Protein backbone atom coordinates (compact mmCIF):
# COMPACT_ATOMS: atom_id res chain seq x y z
CA UNK A 1 11.90 -6.77 -7.80
CA UNK A 2 10.26 -7.29 -4.42
CA UNK A 3 10.47 -4.17 -2.29
CA UNK A 4 9.75 -4.50 1.40
CA UNK A 5 8.30 -1.08 2.09
CA UNK A 6 8.77 -1.20 5.87
CA UNK A 7 10.16 -3.59 8.44
CA UNK A 8 8.88 -1.90 11.57
CA UNK A 9 6.12 -3.24 13.74
CA UNK A 10 2.99 -1.06 13.29
CA UNK A 11 2.56 -0.16 16.96
CA UNK A 12 6.21 0.25 17.89
CA UNK A 13 8.47 3.25 17.84
CA UNK A 14 9.76 3.30 14.25
CA UNK A 15 13.02 1.44 13.82
CA UNK A 16 14.48 -0.04 10.69
CA UNK A 17 13.25 0.59 7.17
CA UNK A 18 10.42 3.10 6.88
CA UNK A 19 8.09 3.80 3.98
CA UNK A 20 10.07 7.00 3.31
CA UNK A 21 13.28 4.94 3.15
CA UNK A 22 11.61 2.50 0.77
CA UNK A 23 10.51 5.41 -1.42
CA UNK A 24 14.13 6.52 -1.75
CA UNK A 25 15.19 2.96 -2.61
CA UNK A 26 12.35 2.72 -5.13
CA UNK A 27 13.49 5.91 -6.87
CA UNK A 28 17.02 4.49 -7.14
CA UNK A 29 15.71 1.19 -8.50
CA UNK A 30 13.61 3.04 -11.07
CA UNK A 31 16.65 5.07 -12.14
CA UNK A 32 18.64 1.83 -12.52
CA UNK A 33 15.99 0.40 -14.85
CA UNK A 34 13.85 -1.85 -12.66
CA UNK A 35 10.98 -3.34 -14.69
CA UNK A 36 8.54 -3.78 -11.79
CA UNK A 37 8.37 -3.10 -8.06
CA UNK A 38 6.34 -5.67 -6.14
CA UNK A 39 5.54 -3.96 -2.86
CA UNK A 40 5.13 -5.92 0.33
CA UNK A 41 5.41 -4.94 3.96
CA UNK A 42 6.87 -5.90 7.27
CA UNK A 43 7.05 -9.38 8.68
CA UNK A 44 4.05 -8.98 10.97
CA UNK A 45 1.67 -7.96 8.21
CA UNK A 46 0.75 -4.27 8.31
CA UNK A 47 -2.95 -3.82 8.70
CA UNK A 48 -3.68 -7.53 9.00
CA UNK A 49 -6.79 -6.50 10.88
CA UNK A 50 -8.15 -4.66 7.82
CA UNK A 51 -11.44 -6.21 6.83
CA UNK A 52 -10.97 -5.50 3.13
CA UNK A 53 -7.58 -7.21 2.86
CA UNK A 54 -5.09 -5.32 0.73
CA UNK A 55 -2.78 -5.15 3.75
CA UNK A 56 0.08 -3.45 1.94
CA UNK A 57 -1.93 -1.05 -0.24
CA UNK A 58 -0.82 2.03 1.76
CA UNK A 59 2.79 1.03 1.05
CA UNK A 60 2.11 0.42 -2.65
CA UNK A 61 0.44 3.82 -2.98
CA UNK A 62 3.39 5.56 -1.31
CA UNK A 63 5.91 3.75 -3.53
CA UNK A 64 3.89 4.48 -6.67
CA UNK A 65 3.91 8.16 -5.77
CA UNK A 66 7.65 8.04 -5.04
CA UNK A 67 8.54 6.62 -8.47
CA UNK A 68 6.18 8.95 -10.31
CA UNK A 69 5.12 6.45 -12.97
CA UNK A 70 8.67 5.52 -13.98
CA UNK A 71 8.15 1.87 -13.08
CA UNK A 72 4.96 -0.18 -12.55
CA UNK A 73 4.07 -0.95 -8.93
CA UNK A 74 2.39 -4.19 -7.83
CA UNK A 75 0.28 -4.39 -4.67
CA UNK A 76 0.32 -7.67 -2.76
CA UNK A 77 -1.16 -8.93 0.48
CA UNK A 78 -4.72 -10.03 1.04
CA UNK A 79 -6.40 -8.91 -2.20
CA UNK A 80 -9.10 -11.58 -2.34
CA UNK A 81 -11.93 -10.13 -4.41
CA UNK A 82 -12.15 -8.68 -7.89
CA UNK A 83 -14.02 -5.64 -6.56
CA UNK A 84 -11.20 -4.81 -4.18
CA UNK A 85 -8.62 -5.31 -6.92
CA UNK A 86 -10.52 -3.04 -9.29
CA UNK A 87 -10.84 -0.37 -6.59
CA UNK A 88 -7.10 -0.42 -5.89
CA UNK A 89 -6.35 -0.02 -9.59
CA UNK A 90 -9.00 2.67 -10.15
CA UNK A 91 -7.84 4.63 -7.10
CA UNK A 92 -4.30 4.71 -8.47
CA UNK A 93 -2.85 2.74 -5.58
CA UNK A 94 -0.94 0.46 -7.93
CA UNK A 95 -0.55 -0.64 -11.53
CA UNK A 96 -1.20 -4.33 -11.01
CA UNK A 97 -2.28 -6.78 -8.31
CA UNK A 98 -0.22 -9.70 -7.02
CA UNK A 99 -2.32 -12.70 -6.08
CA UNK A 100 -0.53 -15.72 -4.65
CA UNK A 101 -2.20 -17.59 -1.81
CA UNK A 102 -5.69 -17.73 -3.38
CA UNK A 103 -4.23 -19.26 -6.55
CA UNK A 104 -2.41 -21.90 -4.52
CA UNK A 105 -5.39 -22.82 -2.36
CA UNK A 106 -8.20 -22.73 -4.94
CA UNK A 107 -7.73 -24.04 -8.47
CA UNK A 108 -10.96 -22.30 -9.53
CA UNK A 109 -10.04 -18.90 -8.13
CA UNK A 110 -9.63 -17.16 -11.50
CA UNK A 111 -12.88 -18.63 -12.79
CA UNK A 112 -14.66 -17.18 -9.74
CA UNK A 113 -13.13 -13.76 -10.37
CA UNK A 114 -14.04 -13.95 -14.05
CA UNK A 115 -17.66 -14.77 -13.11
CA UNK A 116 -17.78 -11.59 -10.99
CA UNK A 117 -16.78 -9.35 -13.91
């Protein structure tokens, strides 16, 4: 299930869904038997200025902590390199990585990642 972890603009006074709210929703979804939580962020793209991509990794980490291992958490948003993906997994930010846009725009994307292993 996709879980939007926040719908506030990063530099505005918080309004709408917060990460804390999303954590509460995530706990309920886990209790109801969700198989996977795919964490995304607000519509403007939290941290879109991050040079390492992984725009929504802070949200994924917060949701993973909120569910306490009861359901796998997927991090999406700007994960472009295998090194970054491995770091997110090793750091415990998430349980798996969602990759969409690179797969759509580059048919050889997975081969490039495999070559970097």
